[in-house]
């Protein structure tokens, strides 16, 4: 069976499992679908392991800098 045939033949179950995993690891999909998802670094390995165990391919990971919106910047850092 080809990859996209696998995804389509089991779509309902895969979507349910994906949603469970997204919730468990506090992952935020970007836009519609699951092409881009934001996950905190501490949850990345477990998230990738579980998605891969479903038979879903993750083709890449990119790193972004997380800034806590409540972080207080020291006065000497301000211009």
C-alpha atoms as a PDB file:
ATOM      1  CA  UNK A   1       0.000   0.000   0.000  1.00  0.00           C
ATOM      2  CA  UNK A   2       1.295   3.458  -0.861  1.00  0.00           C
ATOM      3  CA  UNK A   3       1.663   6.112   1.836  1.00  0.00           C
ATOM      4  CA  UNK A   4      -1.260   8.341   0.814  1.00  0.00           C
ATOM      5  CA  UNK A   5      -3.479   5.298   0.380  1.00  0.00           C
ATOM      6  CA  UNK A   6      -2.599   4.323   3.964  1.00  0.00           C
ATOM      7  CA  UNK A   7      -3.498   7.788   5.249  1.00  0.00           C
ATOM      8  CA  UNK A   8      -6.811   7.870   3.395  1.00  0.00           C
ATOM      9  CA  UNK A   9      -7.831   4.309   4.264  1.00  0.00           C
ATOM     10  CA  UNK A  10      -7.490   4.990   7.974  1.00  0.00           C
ATOM     11  CA  UNK A  11      -8.298   8.713   7.987  1.00  0.00           C
ATOM     12  CA  UNK A  12     -10.916   8.833  10.761  1.00  0.00           C
ATOM     13  CA  UNK A  13      -8.766   6.873  13.214  1.00  0.00           C
ATOM     14  CA  UNK A  14      -5.605   8.790  12.290  1.00  0.00           C
ATOM     15  CA  UNK A  15      -7.300  12.165  12.813  1.00  0.00           C
ATOM     16  CA  UNK A  16      -8.634  11.041  16.209  1.00  0.00           C
ATOM     17  CA  UNK A  17      -5.174   9.851  17.262  1.00  0.00           C
ATOM     18  CA  UNK A  18      -3.498  13.010  15.933  1.00  0.00           C
ATOM     19  CA  UNK A  19      -5.915  15.197  17.882  1.00  0.00           C
ATOM     20  CA  UNK A  20      -5.254  13.172  21.053  1.00  0.00           C
ATOM     21  CA  UNK A  21      -1.485  13.532  20.607  1.00  0.00           C
ATOM     22  CA  UNK A  22      -1.751  17.266  19.825  1.00  0.00           C
ATOM     23  CA  UNK A  23      -3.721  17.792  23.029  1.00  0.00           C
ATOM     24  CA  UNK A  24      -1.420  15.603  25.120  1.00  0.00           C
ATOM     25  CA  UNK A  25       1.721  17.504  24.090  1.00  0.00           C
ATOM     26  CA  UNK A  26       0.061  20.944  23.834  1.00  0.00           C
ATOM     27  CA  UNK A  27       0.828  21.198  20.116  1.00  0.00           C
ATOM     28  CA  UNK A  28      -0.683  24.025  18.059  1.00  0.00           C
ATOM     29  CA  UNK A  29      -1.287  23.354  14.354  1.00  0.00           C
ATOM     30  CA  UNK A  30      -0.625  26.401  12.177  1.00  0.00           C
ATOM     31  CA  UNK A  31      -3.473  27.242   9.817  1.00  0.00           C
ATOM     32  CA  UNK A  32      -5.608  24.327   8.665  1.00  0.00           C
ATOM     33  CA  UNK A  33      -4.469  20.716   8.694  1.00  0.00           C
ATOM     34  CA  UNK A  34      -1.318  19.302  10.199  1.00  0.00           C
ATOM     35  CA  UNK A  35       1.424  20.467   7.833  1.00  0.00           C
ATOM     36  CA  UNK A  36       2.988  22.846  10.369  1.00  0.00           C
ATOM     37  CA  UNK A  37       2.665  22.387  14.106  1.00  0.00           C
ATOM     38  CA  UNK A  38       4.201  24.312  16.994  1.00  0.00           C
ATOM     39  CA  UNK A  39       5.437  22.209  19.903  1.00  0.00           C
ATOM     40  CA  UNK A  40       7.548  23.195  22.876  1.00  0.00           C
ATOM     41  CA  UNK A  41      11.076  21.774  22.813  1.00  0.00           C
ATOM     42  CA  UNK A  42      10.518  19.716  25.969  1.00  0.00           C
ATOM     43  CA  UNK A  43       7.682  17.809  24.253  1.00  0.00           C
ATOM     44  CA  UNK A  44       9.301  17.398  20.839  1.00  0.00           C
ATOM     45  CA  UNK A  45      10.832  13.917  21.161  1.00  0.00           C
ATOM     46  CA  UNK A  46       7.712  12.326  22.637  1.00  0.00           C
ATOM     47  CA  UNK A  47       5.518  14.079  20.059  1.00  0.00           C
ATOM     48  CA  UNK A  48       7.666  12.889  17.139  1.00  0.00           C
ATOM     49  CA  UNK A  49       7.856   9.349  18.559  1.00  0.00           C
ATOM     50  CA  UNK A  50       4.075   9.055  18.879  1.00  0.00           C
ATOM     51  CA  UNK A  51       3.329  10.566  15.462  1.00  0.00           C
ATOM     52  CA  UNK A  52       5.898   8.263  13.864  1.00  0.00           C
ATOM     53  CA  UNK A  53       4.384   5.248  15.654  1.00  0.00           C
ATOM     54  CA  UNK A  54       1.093   6.068  13.881  1.00  0.00           C
ATOM     55  CA  UNK A  55       2.872   5.731  10.560  1.00  0.00           C
ATOM     56  CA  UNK A  56       2.798   9.461   9.828  1.00  0.00           C
ATOM     57  CA  UNK A  57       5.941  10.940   8.292  1.00  0.00           C
ATOM     58  CA  UNK A  58       7.592  14.018   9.811  1.00  0.00           C
ATOM     59  CA  UNK A  59       9.873  15.430   7.147  1.00  0.00           C
ATOM     60  CA  UNK A  60      11.585  18.147   9.154  1.00  0.00           C
ATOM     61  CA  UNK A  61      11.817  20.198  12.306  1.00  0.00           C
ATOM     62  CA  UNK A  62      12.783  23.846  12.523  1.00  0.00           C
ATOM     63  CA  UNK A  63      13.804  25.704  15.665  1.00  0.00           C
ATOM     64  CA  UNK A  64      12.204  28.948  16.750  1.00  0.00           C
ATOM     65  CA  UNK A  65      12.960  31.105  19.740  1.00  0.00           C
ATOM     66  CA  UNK A  66      10.215  31.111  22.378  1.00  0.00           C
ATOM     67  CA  UNK A  67       9.745  34.358  24.271  1.00  0.00           C
ATOM     68  CA  UNK A  68       7.590  34.317  27.361  1.00  0.00           C
ATOM     69  CA  UNK A  69       5.132  37.221  26.931  1.00  0.00           C
ATOM     70  CA  UNK A  70       5.269  37.850  30.689  1.00  0.00           C
ATOM     71  CA  UNK A  71       9.066  38.020  30.849  1.00  0.00           C
ATOM     72  CA  UNK A  72      10.295  41.283  32.318  1.00  0.00           C
ATOM     73  CA  UNK A  73      13.202  42.785  30.395  1.00  0.00           C
ATOM     74  CA  UNK A  74      15.841  44.436  32.615  1.00  0.00           C
ATOM     75  CA  UNK A  75      15.932  48.217  32.269  1.00  0.00           C
ATOM     76  CA  UNK A  76      19.555  48.177  31.086  1.00  0.00           C
ATOM     77  CA  UNK A  77      18.486  46.054  28.058  1.00  0.00           C
ATOM     78  CA  UNK A  78      15.974  48.671  26.912  1.00  0.00           C
ATOM     79  CA  UNK A  79      17.056  51.357  24.509  1.00  0.00           C
END
